[in-house]
Amino acid sequence: MKDGELEQTLPDTLWPGGGTACYLKGYARSTTPLKSLELEAPGLDATLASRIYPHLHGIDECCDDANPKACLMSAFTSLLKVSDKTNPATYRYTLNARFGGKDTRSLASTELTVSDSRPVEATVIPFAGSESGQRCVICMATYEPGMETFRRQIESIKAQTHKSWHCIINDDGSSDETLARCREVIGDDERFSIYRNQPNVGFYKNFETALMRVPNNVDFVALSDQDDDWYPDKLESCLNAFNEKTQLVYCDMQIVNEQGEVLADTYWKNRRNNYQDAHVLFLANTVTGAASVFRRELLDDILPFPQPVGQVFHDHWIACVARCRGELGYVDRPLYDYYQYGTSVIGHCDFEHVGVLEGATGLIERAKDIPGMGRFKSVLVSIRNKSINIYHNEYLRLHLFAVILDMRMPGMNPSARRELTMFADNWRAVWRMLYAHLRIKFAGDTTYNAELRLAASVLAFKAERMLVRLFAGRLVRKHCRRSTAE
């Protein structure tokens, strides 16, 4: 094993917008314990905060190490916050790992370019003759769409009773043949603009790019998938639901299969639709992107998107921004058909009530299938692995959301700010999540116990870090003896 490595680095170019943050991850080992990570970047308005924790994947390398604690406690996740006050320039930076004593090691020495503009240019949309205050841009993200379903979606947009719209289609690197066929479907209709990413960036970044193309002479933004079927009054009904406090409006949908047969006449068959309580929205998003229309001004806080951590969705981020700015609205009837293909459940997921007792019972039942005397230990290892994975891929994603929201919206909605303390990555956050769980259960809401999973993941992360610091030598010796015996 190397003495140090950056497993996740900074991008070469960064547009901070109203302020942003991103993670660096890696490990650094020396003969003394890792104490901190420091960023030397003259002129760059940025701060770095780090978490140091066990690098258990490298435990085999610790068998011959004179200092097991220094060897094990060598992984880090650092959060870099870049201010919106940073002057656009190219900065030379060095990332240093500092250990006990005066030991220092450079992990990276390279350049970061900070830009003051979006990576792509906004689309020029004249909106000739359009009514002021009602101009709407529809952002559609596509990738290798089927022509029949794509044509259906395009025709449903053309049939909207609200006429002041323009559709930006951002394709994520489809083939030349597919793109040519998409252009054929659009024809010479100037209400559509189509672009293509090179290379493919995934649906999350694709929607971000589409939103970056929205110009300033717009009042509202709507999101669209490539294969749904909008009802004629979808835009009109959503726009009519706005009041002066509303930042985003979304609607219900009808779920249909590939043949157009109705599977559910509402999205909310087994799950309560709660868009008013911030803690429920932050923990388990209820807003579907393709059902949404939001104010153009929100893009100042939405863009750029947070760095992807785990399985991240654009509509969750947009809903969080809208809730921090003000209120959400809802049209309580289906305004489009959502097509569900095969076993796909992305975009339509019912939450069943699963309590703590049911979860524990299920864990015991699974443990019965583990043979031998190591059953209890195997269960504990399984719980540990799952909890640590949740911490790194779910909790840190929400922590990043909270940090960026705080940077971009110092005057955010007070109730939203209070609920974001659930993701402060400290002991108070655990209590806030447990308190949120009681409120959610009392109100009859459903988050699939997300708050309990997240609280458990924070406890597991902190407990493991404490145990390794206390018993690093014993853990390494036991592991090494077992490895030799095997």
Protein backbone atom coordinates (compact mmCIF):
# COMPACT_ATOMS: atom_id res chain seq x y z
CA MET A 1 0.00 0.00 0.00
CA LYS A 2 1.10 3.54 -0.71
CA ASP A 3 1.73 5.91 2.18
CA GLY A 4 -1.00 8.19 0.88
CA GLU A 5 -3.46 8.61 -1.94
CA LEU A 6 -6.27 10.94 -2.97
CA GLU A 7 -9.18 8.73 -3.99
CA GLN A 8 -11.45 11.70 -4.76
CA THR A 9 -9.92 14.96 -5.92
CA LEU A 10 -11.04 18.49 -6.72
CA PRO A 11 -12.29 19.27 -10.24
CA ASP A 12 -9.96 21.15 -12.58
CA THR A 13 -12.52 23.93 -13.01
CA LEU A 14 -15.08 25.10 -10.48
CA TRP A 15 -17.98 27.51 -10.83
CA PRO A 16 -19.07 28.29 -7.23
CA GLY A 17 -22.25 30.21 -8.07
CA GLY A 18 -23.54 31.55 -4.76
CA GLY A 19 -20.97 29.44 -2.91
CA THR A 20 -20.34 25.73 -3.03
CA ALA A 21 -18.61 22.84 -1.31
CA CYS A 22 -17.14 19.50 -2.33
CA TYR A 23 -15.47 16.50 -0.75
CA LEU A 24 -11.92 15.21 -1.06
CA LYS A 25 -11.30 11.65 0.08
CA GLY A 26 -8.25 9.50 0.59
CA TYR A 27 -5.78 8.21 3.16
CA ALA A 28 -2.36 9.19 4.48
CA ARG A 29 -0.07 7.10 6.71
CA SER A 30 3.10 7.79 8.61
CA THR A 31 4.86 6.59 11.75
CA THR A 32 2.76 9.00 13.80
CA PRO A 33 -1.05 9.52 13.74
CA LEU A 34 -2.71 11.65 11.08
CA LYS A 35 -3.81 14.90 12.70
CA SER A 36 -5.23 17.13 9.96
CA LEU A 37 -5.39 18.05 6.29
CA GLU A 38 -4.40 21.54 5.23
CA LEU A 39 -4.89 23.38 1.95
CA GLU A 40 -2.30 25.90 0.85
CA ALA A 41 -3.85 28.02 -1.89
CA PRO A 42 -2.78 31.69 -1.79
CA GLY A 43 -5.65 33.98 -2.74
CA LEU A 44 -8.35 31.30 -2.79
CA ASP A 45 -11.29 32.18 -0.51
CA ALA A 46 -11.90 28.67 0.79
CA THR A 47 -11.89 26.64 4.01
CA LEU A 48 -11.13 22.97 4.59
CA ALA A 49 -12.60 20.79 7.36
CA SER A 50 -11.66 17.12 7.71
CA ARG A 51 -12.88 13.94 9.36
CA ILE A 52 -10.23 11.33 10.15
CA TYR A 53 -11.42 7.77 10.58
CA PRO A 54 -10.26 4.12 10.31
CA HIS A 55 -8.93 2.92 6.97
CA LEU A 56 -9.93 -0.70 7.56
CA HIS A 57 -9.40 -1.68 3.94
CA GLY A 58 -5.69 -1.23 4.64
CA ILE A 59 -5.53 -3.26 7.84
CA ASP A 60 -3.37 -5.95 6.21
CA GLU A 61 -0.63 -3.35 5.76
CA CYS A 62 -0.66 -2.68 9.51
CA CYS A 63 0.54 -6.16 10.56
CA ASP A 64 4.18 -5.13 10.53
CA ASP A 65 3.61 -1.54 11.54
CA ALA A 66 5.16 -0.27 14.75
CA ASN A 67 2.23 2.07 15.39
CA PRO A 68 -1.11 0.32 14.62
CA LYS A 69 -3.12 3.40 15.59
CA ALA A 70 -1.21 5.60 13.12
CA CYS A 71 -1.64 2.95 10.45
CA LEU A 72 -5.37 2.41 10.96
CA MET A 73 -6.50 5.98 11.68
CA SER A 74 -5.40 7.22 8.28
CA ALA A 75 -8.54 7.69 6.15
CA PHE A 76 -10.06 11.13 5.70
CA THR A 77 -12.97 12.94 4.12
CA SER A 78 -12.35 16.67 3.78
CA LEU A 79 -14.99 19.25 2.95
CA LEU A 80 -13.77 22.22 0.92
CA LYS A 81 -16.03 25.31 1.00
CA VAL A 82 -15.44 27.84 -1.78
CA SER A 83 -16.98 31.27 -1.26
CA ASP A 84 -18.93 33.17 -3.90
CA LYS A 85 -16.53 36.06 -3.15
CA THR A 86 -13.61 34.14 -4.68
CA ASN A 87 -12.10 36.06 -7.57
CA PRO A 88 -12.13 34.16 -10.88
CA ALA A 89 -8.59 32.97 -11.51
CA THR A 90 -6.37 29.90 -11.66
CA TYR A 91 -5.02 29.03 -8.22
CA ARG A 92 -2.07 26.82 -7.44
CA TYR A 93 -2.85 24.69 -4.41
CA THR A 94 -1.13 22.07 -2.30
CA LEU A 95 -2.94 19.59 -0.06
CA ASN A 96 -0.81 18.60 2.92
CA ALA A 97 -1.32 15.81 5.45
CA ARG A 98 -0.01 16.74 8.89
CA PHE A 99 0.90 14.01 11.36
CA GLY A 100 2.04 13.96 14.99
CA GLY A 101 5.21 15.92 15.63
CA LYS A 102 6.41 17.90 12.61
CA ASP A 103 5.81 15.24 9.98
CA THR A 104 4.10 16.62 6.85
CA ARG A 105 3.38 15.04 3.49
CA SER A 106 2.04 16.58 0.28
CA LEU A 107 -0.84 14.58 -1.20
CA ALA A 108 -1.53 16.83 -4.17
CA SER A 109 -0.02 19.86 -5.82
CA THR A 110 -1.90 21.16 -8.84
CA GLU A 111 -4.18 23.93 -10.11
CA LEU A 112 -7.82 24.86 -9.64
CA THR A 113 -9.52 27.30 -11.99
CA VAL A 114 -12.41 29.24 -10.45
CA SER A 115 -14.86 30.58 -13.04
CA ASP A 116 -17.38 33.39 -12.67
CA SER A 117 -19.77 32.03 -15.32
CA ARG A 118 -21.70 28.88 -16.13
CA PRO A 119 -19.88 26.16 -18.09
CA VAL A 120 -22.48 26.42 -20.91
CA GLU A 121 -24.12 29.41 -22.54
CA ALA A 122 -27.77 30.25 -21.95
CA THR A 123 -30.21 29.70 -24.80
CA VAL A 124 -31.39 32.84 -26.57
CA ILE A 125 -35.21 32.83 -26.43
CA PRO A 126 -37.01 35.91 -27.77
CA PHE A 127 -40.48 34.99 -26.42
CA ALA A 128 -41.99 37.24 -29.08
CA GLY A 129 -45.48 38.36 -28.13
CA SER A 130 -45.47 36.35 -24.91
CA GLU A 131 -47.33 37.54 -21.86
CA SER A 132 -44.94 38.99 -19.27
CA GLY A 133 -44.85 37.07 -16.01
CA GLN A 134 -45.91 33.75 -17.52
CA ARG A 135 -42.92 32.80 -19.67
CA CYS A 136 -41.91 29.22 -18.97
CA VAL A 137 -38.94 27.14 -20.09
CA ILE A 138 -39.34 23.36 -20.10
CA CYS A 139 -36.05 21.51 -19.49
CA MET A 140 -36.09 17.97 -20.86
CA ALA A 141 -33.19 15.55 -20.29
CA THR A 142 -32.89 12.73 -22.83
CA TYR A 143 -30.73 9.71 -23.49
CA GLU A 144 -31.40 7.25 -26.31
CA PRO A 145 -35.16 7.85 -26.19
CA GLY A 146 -37.53 5.51 -27.99
CA MET A 147 -38.98 7.49 -30.88
CA GLU A 148 -42.58 6.49 -30.20
CA THR A 149 -42.48 7.59 -26.58
CA PHE A 150 -40.39 10.68 -27.37
CA ARG A 151 -42.86 11.72 -30.07
CA ARG A 152 -45.74 11.26 -27.60
CA GLN A 153 -44.06 13.53 -25.06
CA ILE A 154 -43.23 16.21 -27.64
CA GLU A 155 -46.80 16.22 -28.95
CA SER A 156 -48.19 16.53 -25.41
CA ILE A 157 -45.99 19.58 -24.83
CA LYS A 158 -47.14 21.15 -28.08
CA ALA A 159 -50.75 20.65 -26.99
CA GLN A 160 -50.39 22.69 -23.77
CA THR A 161 -53.14 25.26 -23.21
CA HIS A 162 -50.49 27.57 -21.77
CA LYS A 163 -48.75 28.89 -24.89
CA SER A 164 -45.87 30.96 -23.52
CA TRP A 165 -43.22 28.25 -23.33
CA HIS A 166 -39.96 27.11 -24.85
CA CYS A 167 -38.50 23.60 -24.51
CA ILE A 168 -34.76 23.04 -24.02
CA ILE A 169 -33.81 19.44 -24.77
CA ASN A 170 -30.41 18.41 -23.42
CA ASP A 171 -29.33 15.01 -24.72
CA ASP A 172 -26.74 13.01 -22.79
CA GLY A 173 -24.56 11.71 -25.59
CA SER A 174 -27.05 9.64 -27.61
CA SER A 175 -25.93 8.24 -30.95
CA ASP A 176 -25.91 10.39 -34.08
CA GLU A 177 -28.78 8.31 -35.44
CA THR A 178 -30.93 8.85 -32.35
CA LEU A 179 -30.23 12.57 -32.27
CA ALA A 180 -31.10 12.88 -35.97
CA ARG A 181 -34.42 11.12 -35.37
CA CYS A 182 -35.15 13.43 -32.43
CA ARG A 183 -34.57 16.42 -34.70
CA GLU A 184 -36.98 14.90 -37.21
CA VAL A 185 -39.67 14.67 -34.53
CA ILE A 186 -39.12 18.32 -33.59
CA GLY A 187 -39.00 19.45 -37.20
CA ASP A 188 -38.73 23.20 -37.76
CA ASP A 189 -40.64 24.13 -34.61
CA GLU A 190 -38.65 27.06 -33.20
CA ARG A 191 -40.13 26.51 -29.75
CA PHE A 192 -37.62 23.68 -29.25
CA SER A 193 -33.83 23.90 -28.81
CA ILE A 194 -31.79 20.70 -28.72
CA TYR A 195 -28.23 20.19 -27.45
CA ARG A 196 -26.01 17.18 -26.84
CA ASN A 197 -23.43 16.45 -24.14
CA GLN A 198 -20.07 15.01 -25.12
CA PRO A 199 -19.34 12.74 -23.35
CA ASN A 200 -22.23 11.18 -21.42
CA VAL A 201 -22.48 12.63 -17.89
CA GLY A 202 -25.48 10.81 -16.36
CA PHE A 203 -29.02 12.04 -15.69
CA TYR A 204 -28.10 14.16 -12.63
CA LYS A 205 -25.50 16.27 -14.42
CA ASN A 206 -27.60 16.24 -17.60
CA PHE A 207 -30.47 18.01 -15.83
CA GLU A 208 -27.98 20.44 -14.33
CA THR A 209 -26.65 21.28 -17.79
CA ALA A 210 -30.18 21.75 -19.13
CA LEU A 211 -30.96 24.19 -16.31
CA MET A 212 -27.74 26.10 -16.98
CA ARG A 213 -29.08 26.82 -20.46
CA VAL A 214 -32.13 28.69 -19.10
CA PRO A 215 -31.86 32.44 -19.90
CA ASN A 216 -32.78 35.31 -17.59
CA ASN A 217 -35.86 36.48 -19.54
CA VAL A 218 -37.92 33.63 -18.08
CA ASP A 219 -40.43 33.56 -15.24
CA PHE A 220 -40.84 29.83 -14.56
CA VAL A 221 -38.99 26.58 -15.21
CA ALA A 222 -40.60 23.15 -15.67
CA LEU A 223 -38.85 19.78 -15.78
CA SER A 224 -39.70 16.99 -18.20
CA ASP A 225 -38.76 13.38 -18.76
CA GLN A 226 -38.40 12.02 -22.30
CA ASP A 227 -41.25 9.50 -22.30
CA ASP A 228 -44.25 10.76 -20.29
CA ASP A 229 -47.56 12.13 -21.56
CA TRP A 230 -48.60 15.55 -20.28
CA TYR A 231 -52.26 16.48 -20.07
CA PRO A 232 -53.09 19.69 -21.99
CA ASP A 233 -53.57 21.80 -18.84
CA LYS A 234 -50.46 20.64 -16.97
CA LEU A 235 -48.50 23.87 -17.25
CA GLU A 236 -51.55 26.11 -16.89
CA SER A 237 -52.81 24.33 -13.75
CA CYS A 238 -49.40 24.40 -12.06
CA LEU A 239 -48.85 28.07 -12.86
CA ASN A 240 -52.29 28.97 -11.52
CA ALA A 241 -51.38 27.35 -8.17
CA PHE A 242 -48.62 29.87 -7.44
CA ASN A 243 -49.09 32.69 -4.95
CA GLU A 244 -46.60 35.31 -3.83
CA LYS A 245 -44.98 32.94 -1.30
CA THR A 246 -44.91 29.82 -3.47
CA GLN A 247 -41.52 28.83 -4.88
CA LEU A 248 -42.39 25.49 -6.47
CA VAL A 249 -45.58 23.69 -7.46
CA TYR A 250 -45.90 20.02 -8.31
CA CYS A 251 -48.80 17.78 -9.22
CA ASP A 252 -50.06 14.24 -8.93
CA MET A 253 -49.60 11.73 -11.75
CA GLN A 254 -51.25 8.60 -13.08
CA ILE A 255 -49.04 5.50 -13.26
CA VAL A 256 -49.41 3.45 -16.45
CA ASN A 257 -47.56 0.49 -17.94
CA GLU A 258 -45.97 0.18 -21.37
CA GLN A 259 -49.34 -0.62 -22.94
CA GLY A 260 -50.95 2.48 -21.41
CA GLU A 261 -52.96 0.49 -18.87
CA VAL A 262 -53.52 2.32 -15.58
CA LEU A 263 -51.58 0.79 -12.68
CA ALA A 264 -52.48 3.52 -10.17
CA ASP A 265 -54.60 6.64 -10.51
CA THR A 266 -52.36 8.49 -8.06
CA TYR A 267 -48.70 8.55 -7.06
CA TRP A 268 -49.71 8.48 -3.41
CA LYS A 269 -51.23 5.03 -3.19
CA ASN A 270 -49.20 3.81 -0.19
CA ARG A 271 -47.45 6.95 0.94
CA ARG A 272 -48.67 10.23 2.40
CA ASN A 273 -47.87 13.33 0.36
CA ASN A 274 -46.31 15.75 2.83
CA TYR A 275 -44.65 18.76 1.22
CA GLN A 276 -45.19 21.24 4.07
CA ASP A 277 -42.99 19.73 6.81
CA ALA A 278 -39.36 20.47 6.04
CA HIS A 279 -37.96 17.51 7.99
CA VAL A 280 -40.06 15.03 5.99
CA LEU A 281 -39.07 16.63 2.68
CA PHE A 282 -35.35 16.65 3.55
CA LEU A 283 -35.39 13.02 4.71
CA ALA A 284 -37.63 11.48 2.03
CA ASN A 285 -38.39 13.67 -0.95
CA THR A 286 -42.02 13.84 -2.08
CA VAL A 287 -41.43 16.05 -5.12
CA THR A 288 -41.01 14.40 -8.52
CA GLY A 289 -39.03 16.44 -11.03
CA ALA A 290 -41.31 15.86 -14.01
CA ALA A 291 -44.28 17.03 -11.93
CA SER A 292 -42.60 20.32 -10.96
CA VAL A 293 -42.68 23.96 -12.00
CA PHE A 294 -40.60 26.50 -10.08
CA ARG A 295 -39.66 30.18 -10.20
CA ARG A 296 -36.74 31.14 -12.42
CA GLU A 297 -35.10 33.03 -9.52
CA LEU A 298 -34.51 29.73 -7.72
CA LEU A 299 -31.81 28.88 -10.28
CA ASP A 300 -29.51 31.35 -8.52
CA ASP A 301 -29.55 28.99 -5.52
CA ILE A 302 -30.02 25.69 -7.37
CA LEU A 303 -26.96 26.04 -9.62
CA PRO A 304 -24.47 24.55 -9.55
CA PHE A 305 -25.77 21.23 -8.24
CA PRO A 306 -23.97 19.71 -5.25
CA GLN A 307 -21.26 17.17 -5.97
CA PRO A 308 -22.84 13.71 -6.44
CA VAL A 309 -22.59 11.60 -3.29
CA GLY A 310 -24.14 8.14 -3.41
CA GLN A 311 -27.44 7.93 -5.28
CA VAL A 312 -28.40 11.58 -5.68
CA PHE A 313 -31.46 12.95 -7.48
CA HIS A 314 -31.89 16.39 -9.02
CA ASP A 315 -35.51 16.76 -7.90
CA HIS A 316 -34.62 16.25 -4.24
CA TRP A 317 -32.04 19.01 -4.38
CA ILE A 318 -34.41 21.39 -6.19
CA ALA A 319 -37.21 20.68 -3.69
CA CYS A 320 -34.84 21.38 -0.76
CA VAL A 321 -33.81 24.72 -2.27
CA ALA A 322 -37.46 25.69 -2.88
CA ARG A 323 -38.47 24.77 0.68
CA CYS A 324 -35.60 26.79 2.14
CA ARG A 325 -36.71 29.82 0.10
CA GLY A 326 -40.41 29.66 0.88
CA GLU A 327 -43.44 27.46 0.35
CA LEU A 328 -44.31 24.57 -1.94
CA GLY A 329 -47.66 24.16 -3.66
CA TYR A 330 -49.48 21.08 -4.86
CA VAL A 331 -52.14 20.37 -7.50
CA ASP A 332 -54.15 17.48 -6.11
CA ARG A 333 -54.97 15.67 -9.32
CA PRO A 334 -52.97 13.85 -12.02
CA LEU A 335 -51.69 16.18 -14.73
CA TYR A 336 -49.68 13.61 -16.69
CA ASP A 337 -49.19 9.91 -17.25
CA TYR A 338 -45.97 8.47 -15.86
CA TYR A 339 -44.97 5.41 -17.85
CA GLN A 340 -43.43 2.61 -15.81
CA TYR A 341 -41.44 0.12 -17.85
CA GLY A 342 -40.92 -3.45 -16.66
CA THR A 343 -39.75 -3.49 -13.06
CA SER A 344 -38.55 0.12 -13.12
CA VAL A 345 -39.53 2.07 -10.01
CA ILE A 346 -37.42 5.20 -10.47
CA GLY A 347 -39.75 8.13 -10.08
CA HIS A 348 -42.52 6.00 -8.54
CA CYS A 349 -41.75 4.41 -5.21
CA ASP A 350 -44.34 3.61 -2.57
CA PHE A 351 -43.13 3.58 1.03
CA GLU A 352 -44.63 0.92 3.22
CA HIS A 353 -44.71 1.44 6.98
CA VAL A 354 -41.76 -0.53 8.40
CA GLY A 355 -41.33 -0.02 12.11
CA VAL A 356 -38.32 -0.70 14.29
CA LEU A 357 -39.82 -3.97 15.54
CA GLU A 358 -40.45 -5.23 12.01
CA GLY A 359 -36.90 -4.29 11.00
CA ALA A 360 -35.38 -6.09 13.98
CA THR A 361 -37.54 -9.17 13.33
CA GLY A 362 -36.36 -9.25 9.74
CA LEU A 363 -32.73 -9.04 10.85
CA ILE A 364 -33.19 -11.98 13.24
CA GLU A 365 -34.84 -14.03 10.52
CA ARG A 366 -31.93 -13.40 8.16
CA ALA A 367 -29.47 -14.33 10.92
CA LYS A 368 -31.01 -17.80 11.13
CA ASP A 369 -29.61 -18.54 7.71
CA ILE A 370 -26.03 -17.95 8.91
CA PRO A 371 -24.54 -21.27 10.09
CA GLY A 372 -22.17 -21.96 12.96
CA MET A 373 -21.03 -20.15 16.09
CA GLY A 374 -20.14 -17.02 14.18
CA ARG A 375 -23.77 -16.11 13.61
CA PHE A 376 -23.91 -13.20 16.04
CA LYS A 377 -20.56 -11.82 14.86
CA SER A 378 -21.64 -12.08 11.23
CA VAL A 379 -24.80 -10.13 11.99
CA LEU A 380 -22.80 -7.41 13.73
CA VAL A 381 -20.37 -7.15 10.82
CA SER A 382 -23.30 -6.91 8.41
CA ILE A 383 -24.90 -4.14 10.47
CA ARG A 384 -21.59 -2.31 10.71
CA ASN A 385 -20.95 -2.47 6.96
CA LYS A 386 -24.45 -1.28 6.14
CA SER A 387 -24.35 1.58 8.64
CA ILE A 388 -20.95 2.86 7.52
CA ASN A 389 -22.08 2.67 3.90
CA ILE A 390 -25.19 4.72 4.75
CA TYR A 391 -23.04 7.29 6.52
CA HIS A 392 -20.71 7.83 3.55
CA ASN A 393 -23.32 7.63 0.78
CA GLU A 394 -26.49 9.04 2.36
CA TYR A 395 -25.68 11.08 5.44
CA LEU A 396 -22.71 12.89 3.91
CA ARG A 397 -24.85 13.71 0.87
CA LEU A 398 -27.43 15.43 3.09
CA HIS A 399 -24.66 17.09 5.10
CA LEU A 400 -23.32 18.53 1.84
CA PHE A 401 -26.82 19.72 0.93
CA ALA A 402 -27.10 21.50 4.29
CA VAL A 403 -23.69 23.17 4.00
CA ILE A 404 -24.36 24.52 0.50
CA LEU A 405 -27.88 25.67 1.37
CA ASP A 406 -26.46 27.60 4.33
CA MET A 407 -23.80 29.22 2.13
CA ARG A 408 -26.24 30.30 -0.58
CA MET A 409 -29.19 31.28 1.59
CA PRO A 410 -28.12 33.05 4.80
CA GLY A 411 -31.69 34.34 5.12
CA MET A 412 -33.44 31.03 4.51
CA ASN A 413 -36.79 30.03 5.96
CA PRO A 414 -36.30 29.64 9.77
CA SER A 415 -38.18 26.32 9.95
CA ALA A 416 -36.01 24.89 7.20
CA ARG A 417 -32.83 26.06 8.91
CA ARG A 418 -33.95 24.36 12.13
CA GLU A 419 -34.56 21.04 10.39
CA LEU A 420 -31.22 21.15 8.56
CA THR A 421 -29.50 20.72 11.93
CA MET A 422 -30.29 17.02 11.48
CA PHE A 423 -27.34 16.93 9.10
CA ALA A 424 -24.81 18.94 11.12
CA ASP A 425 -22.59 15.84 11.60
CA ASN A 426 -22.42 16.14 15.40
CA TRP A 427 -24.13 14.62 18.42
CA ARG A 428 -26.89 17.20 18.31
CA ALA A 429 -27.79 15.94 14.84
CA VAL A 430 -28.51 12.47 16.24
CA TRP A 431 -30.94 13.86 18.79
CA ARG A 432 -32.60 16.01 16.13
CA MET A 433 -33.17 12.93 13.96
CA LEU A 434 -34.59 10.92 16.85
CA TYR A 435 -36.89 13.83 17.69
CA ALA A 436 -37.90 14.01 14.01
CA HIS A 437 -38.75 10.31 14.13
CA LEU A 438 -41.18 10.85 17.00
CA ARG A 439 -42.82 13.75 15.18
CA ILE A 440 -43.10 11.75 11.96
CA LYS A 441 -44.68 8.76 13.69
CA PHE A 442 -47.09 10.96 15.64
CA ALA A 443 -48.17 12.74 12.44
CA GLY A 444 -48.58 9.47 10.53
CA ASP A 445 -46.02 10.40 7.86
CA THR A 446 -43.77 7.89 6.16
CA THR A 447 -40.03 8.26 5.51
CA TYR A 448 -39.23 4.54 5.52
CA ASN A 449 -37.41 5.22 8.80
CA ALA A 450 -34.76 7.24 6.98
CA GLU A 451 -34.10 9.30 10.10
CA LEU A 452 -33.36 6.15 12.16
CA ARG A 453 -31.03 4.73 9.51
CA LEU A 454 -29.16 8.01 9.31
CA ALA A 455 -28.93 8.42 13.08
CA ALA A 456 -27.63 4.85 13.40
CA SER A 457 -25.06 5.52 10.69
CA VAL A 458 -23.69 8.56 12.54
CA LEU A 459 -23.50 6.58 15.78
CA ALA A 460 -21.77 3.68 14.02
CA PHE A 461 -19.23 5.99 12.41
CA LYS A 462 -18.41 7.76 15.66
CA ALA A 463 -18.33 4.53 17.69
CA GLU A 464 -15.99 2.81 15.25
CA ARG A 465 -13.64 5.77 15.23
CA MET A 466 -13.54 5.80 19.04
CA LEU A 467 -12.99 2.03 19.33
CA VAL A 468 -10.14 2.02 16.82
CA ARG A 469 -8.44 4.88 18.60
CA LEU A 470 -8.67 2.99 21.90
CA PHE A 471 -7.94 -0.55 20.72
CA ALA A 472 -6.03 -0.22 17.44
CA GLY A 473 -3.18 -2.50 18.57
CA ARG A 474 -5.52 -5.25 19.77
CA LEU A 475 -7.60 -5.10 16.57
CA VAL A 476 -4.55 -5.30 14.32
CA ARG A 477 -2.94 -8.20 16.26
CA LYS A 478 -6.17 -10.19 16.24
CA HIS A 479 -6.67 -9.61 12.52
CA CYS A 480 -3.07 -10.52 11.71
CA ARG A 481 -3.20 -13.76 13.74
CA ARG A 482 -6.41 -14.77 11.99
CA SER A 483 -4.94 -13.94 8.57
CA THR A 484 -1.84 -16.03 9.32
CA ALA A 485 -3.93 -18.95 10.52
CA GLU A 486 -5.99 -18.88 7.36
